[in-house]
Amino acid sequence: MNLLTVMVIYSQKRFCFKQYFGDKAMNEPKRDVLVAELERERSIRCTARLLYAKRSRIKDELDRLISHLSLLVAIPHKTAENPQPESQILIEAAKRIDDPAFTDLLLQIIQERKG
């Protein structure tokens, strides 16, 4: 049930209640709490959509950086002992910037690219 459906049902029930019992019988503080909760839920869902979109853009940008890393810095050539020097260099560099969350994100993207 989405937010709009809940609000419509609530409005219909409130209207029927007012018809039978009048305005004074309505519990206004309870209504205010419900409205506040509905607004809070709407704000949370909107914020989650924005965060998801931002996360997707950041992951895409990092993926492009990883793809073009050899064009941006000098990378040793692939050898039998070192088949993916870009990944190893990127992982080592990420560990040196002292940001565990960012390092984890880079490692996750590298793993997704490998498999």
C-alpha atoms as a PDB file:
ATOM      1  CA  MET A   1       0.000   0.000   0.000  1.00  0.00           C
ATOM      2  CA  ASN A   2       1.580   3.268  -1.030  1.00  0.00           C
ATOM      3  CA  LEU A   3       1.495   6.569   0.803  1.00  0.00           C
ATOM      4  CA  LEU A   4      -1.206   8.097  -1.394  1.00  0.00           C
ATOM      5  CA  THR A   5      -3.544   5.150  -0.785  1.00  0.00           C
ATOM      6  CA  VAL A   6      -3.048   5.436   2.978  1.00  0.00           C
ATOM      7  CA  MET A   7      -3.777   9.163   2.885  1.00  0.00           C
ATOM      8  CA  VAL A   8      -6.957   8.649   0.804  1.00  0.00           C
ATOM      9  CA  ILE A   9      -8.241   5.921   3.121  1.00  0.00           C
ATOM     10  CA  TYR A  10      -7.446   8.077   6.136  1.00  0.00           C
ATOM     11  CA  SER A  11      -9.295  11.065   4.619  1.00  0.00           C
ATOM     12  CA  GLN A  12     -12.340   8.941   3.795  1.00  0.00           C
ATOM     13  CA  LYS A  13     -12.526   7.458   7.283  1.00  0.00           C
ATOM     14  CA  ARG A  14     -12.056  10.877   8.854  1.00  0.00           C
ATOM     15  CA  PHE A  15     -14.869  12.314   6.705  1.00  0.00           C
ATOM     16  CA  CYS A  16     -17.274   9.490   7.697  1.00  0.00           C
ATOM     17  CA  PHE A  17     -16.332   9.870  11.354  1.00  0.00           C
ATOM     18  CA  LYS A  18     -16.978  13.611  11.249  1.00  0.00           C
ATOM     19  CA  GLN A  19     -20.379  13.070   9.630  1.00  0.00           C
ATOM     20  CA  TYR A  20     -21.553  10.821  12.453  1.00  0.00           C
ATOM     21  CA  PHE A  21     -19.891  12.402  15.484  1.00  0.00           C
ATOM     22  CA  GLY A  22     -19.107  15.977  14.483  1.00  0.00           C
ATOM     23  CA  ASP A  23     -15.853  17.930  14.533  1.00  0.00           C
ATOM     24  CA  LYS A  24     -15.419  17.915  18.306  1.00  0.00           C
ATOM     25  CA  ALA A  25     -15.128  14.126  18.444  1.00  0.00           C
ATOM     26  CA  MET A  26     -12.063  14.076  16.199  1.00  0.00           C
ATOM     27  CA  ASN A  27      -8.871  13.421  18.075  1.00  0.00           C
ATOM     28  CA  GLU A  28      -6.742  16.174  16.535  1.00  0.00           C
ATOM     29  CA  PRO A  29      -3.466  15.308  18.314  1.00  0.00           C
ATOM     30  CA  LYS A  30      -3.757  11.748  16.957  1.00  0.00           C
ATOM     31  CA  ARG A  31      -4.315  13.136  13.464  1.00  0.00           C
ATOM     32  CA  ASP A  32      -1.249  15.350  13.790  1.00  0.00           C
ATOM     33  CA  VAL A  33       0.845  12.341  14.772  1.00  0.00           C
ATOM     34  CA  LEU A  34      -0.406  10.373  11.760  1.00  0.00           C
ATOM     35  CA  VAL A  35       0.251  13.248   9.371  1.00  0.00           C
ATOM     36  CA  ALA A  36       3.740  13.721  10.834  1.00  0.00           C
ATOM     37  CA  GLU A  37       4.473  10.008  10.392  1.00  0.00           C
ATOM     38  CA  LEU A  38       3.240  10.066   6.795  1.00  0.00           C
ATOM     39  CA  GLU A  39       5.396  13.105   6.011  1.00  0.00           C
ATOM     40  CA  ARG A  40       8.376  11.451   7.687  1.00  0.00           C
ATOM     41  CA  GLU A  41       7.910   8.268   5.646  1.00  0.00           C
ATOM     42  CA  ARG A  42       7.615  10.286   2.436  1.00  0.00           C
ATOM     43  CA  SER A  43      10.826  12.158   3.278  1.00  0.00           C
ATOM     44  CA  ILE A  44      12.685   8.929   4.044  1.00  0.00           C
ATOM     45  CA  ARG A  45      11.615   7.337   0.754  1.00  0.00           C
ATOM     46  CA  CYS A  46      12.566  10.437  -1.234  1.00  0.00           C
ATOM     47  CA  THR A  47      15.962  10.612   0.482  1.00  0.00           C
ATOM     48  CA  ALA A  48      16.559   6.904  -0.170  1.00  0.00           C
ATOM     49  CA  ARG A  49      15.859   7.422  -3.894  1.00  0.00           C
ATOM     50  CA  LEU A  50      18.318  10.327  -3.995  1.00  0.00           C
ATOM     51  CA  LEU A  51      20.993   8.328  -2.175  1.00  0.00           C
ATOM     52  CA  TYR A  52      20.510   5.350  -4.479  1.00  0.00           C
ATOM     53  CA  ALA A  53      20.889   7.572  -7.551  1.00  0.00           C
ATOM     54  CA  LYS A  54      23.996   9.251  -6.127  1.00  0.00           C
ATOM     55  CA  ARG A  55      25.535   5.892  -5.192  1.00  0.00           C
ATOM     56  CA  SER A  56      24.921   4.623  -8.721  1.00  0.00           C
ATOM     57  CA  ARG A  57      26.608   7.670 -10.250  1.00  0.00           C
ATOM     58  CA  ILE A  58      29.606   7.356  -7.915  1.00  0.00           C
ATOM     59  CA  LYS A  59      29.995   3.645  -8.719  1.00  0.00           C
ATOM     60  CA  ASP A  60      29.773   4.363 -12.458  1.00  0.00           C
ATOM     61  CA  GLU A  61      32.380   7.091 -12.162  1.00  0.00           C
ATOM     62  CA  LEU A  62      34.752   4.851 -10.198  1.00  0.00           C
ATOM     63  CA  ASP A  63      34.224   2.053 -12.697  1.00  0.00           C
ATOM     64  CA  ARG A  64      35.234   4.411 -15.527  1.00  0.00           C
ATOM     65  CA  LEU A  65      38.287   5.514 -13.529  1.00  0.00           C
ATOM     66  CA  ILE A  66      39.342   1.889 -13.085  1.00  0.00           C
ATOM     67  CA  SER A  67      38.771   1.225 -16.784  1.00  0.00           C
ATOM     68  CA  HIS A  68      40.928   4.171 -17.836  1.00  0.00           C
ATOM     69  CA  LEU A  69      43.561   3.912 -15.118  1.00  0.00           C
ATOM     70  CA  SER A  70      46.248   2.806 -17.575  1.00  0.00           C
ATOM     71  CA  LEU A  71      45.668   6.012 -19.559  1.00  0.00           C
ATOM     72  CA  LEU A  72      46.047   8.191 -16.460  1.00  0.00           C
ATOM     73  CA  VAL A  73      49.110   6.648 -14.781  1.00  0.00           C
ATOM     74  CA  ALA A  74      52.016   4.452 -15.821  1.00  0.00           C
ATOM     75  CA  ILE A  75      51.027   0.825 -15.196  1.00  0.00           C
ATOM     76  CA  PRO A  76      53.476  -2.088 -15.511  1.00  0.00           C
ATOM     77  CA  HIS A  77      52.685  -4.507 -18.314  1.00  0.00           C
ATOM     78  CA  LYS A  78      50.845  -7.736 -17.609  1.00  0.00           C
ATOM     79  CA  THR A  79      53.065 -10.731 -16.949  1.00  0.00           C
ATOM     80  CA  ALA A  80      52.467 -14.362 -16.032  1.00  0.00           C
ATOM     81  CA  GLU A  81      53.220 -13.574 -12.380  1.00  0.00           C
ATOM     82  CA  ASN A  82      51.173 -10.375 -12.382  1.00  0.00           C
ATOM     83  CA  PRO A  83      48.123 -10.785 -14.678  1.00  0.00           C
ATOM     84  CA  GLN A  84      46.251  -7.716 -13.348  1.00  0.00           C
ATOM     85  CA  PRO A  85      48.720  -5.039 -12.283  1.00  0.00           C
ATOM     86  CA  GLU A  86      46.042  -2.295 -12.479  1.00  0.00           C
ATOM     87  CA  SER A  87      43.957  -3.928  -9.762  1.00  0.00           C
ATOM     88  CA  GLN A  88      46.916  -4.470  -7.468  1.00  0.00           C
ATOM     89  CA  ILE A  89      48.157  -0.914  -7.877  1.00  0.00           C
ATOM     90  CA  LEU A  90      44.654   0.477  -7.329  1.00  0.00           C
ATOM     91  CA  ILE A  91      44.136  -1.631  -4.195  1.00  0.00           C
ATOM     92  CA  GLU A  92      47.486  -0.598  -2.735  1.00  0.00           C
ATOM     93  CA  ALA A  93      46.822   3.075  -3.484  1.00  0.00           C
ATOM     94  CA  ALA A  94      43.330   2.877  -1.944  1.00  0.00           C
ATOM     95  CA  LYS A  95      44.753   1.407   1.254  1.00  0.00           C
ATOM     96  CA  ARG A  96      47.168   4.318   1.574  1.00  0.00           C
ATOM     97  CA  ILE A  97      44.512   7.043   1.627  1.00  0.00           C
ATOM     98  CA  ASP A  98      43.234   5.924   5.070  1.00  0.00           C
ATOM     99  CA  ASP A  99      39.546   5.822   4.179  1.00  0.00           C
ATOM    100  CA  PRO A 100      38.200   2.327   4.881  1.00  0.00           C
ATOM    101  CA  ALA A 101      34.750   3.015   3.433  1.00  0.00           C
ATOM    102  CA  PHE A 102      36.165   4.291   0.153  1.00  0.00           C
ATOM    103  CA  THR A 103      38.662   1.420   0.010  1.00  0.00           C
ATOM    104  CA  ASP A 104      35.831  -1.075   0.544  1.00  0.00           C
ATOM    105  CA  LEU A 105      33.821   0.534  -2.245  1.00  0.00           C
ATOM    106  CA  LEU A 106      36.785   0.301  -4.631  1.00  0.00           C
ATOM    107  CA  LEU A 107      37.391  -3.327  -3.671  1.00  0.00           C
ATOM    108  CA  GLN A 108      33.728  -4.098  -4.279  1.00  0.00           C
ATOM    109  CA  ILE A 109      33.863  -2.537  -7.748  1.00  0.00           C
ATOM    110  CA  ILE A 110      37.081  -4.385  -8.606  1.00  0.00           C
ATOM    111  CA  GLN A 111      35.496  -7.693  -7.502  1.00  0.00           C
ATOM    112  CA  GLU A 112      32.393  -6.978  -9.614  1.00  0.00           C
ATOM    113  CA  ARG A 113      34.610  -6.329 -12.642  1.00  0.00           C
ATOM    114  CA  LYS A 114      36.512  -9.603 -12.121  1.00  0.00           C
ATOM    115  CA  GLY A 115      33.555 -11.851 -11.741  1.00  0.00           C
END
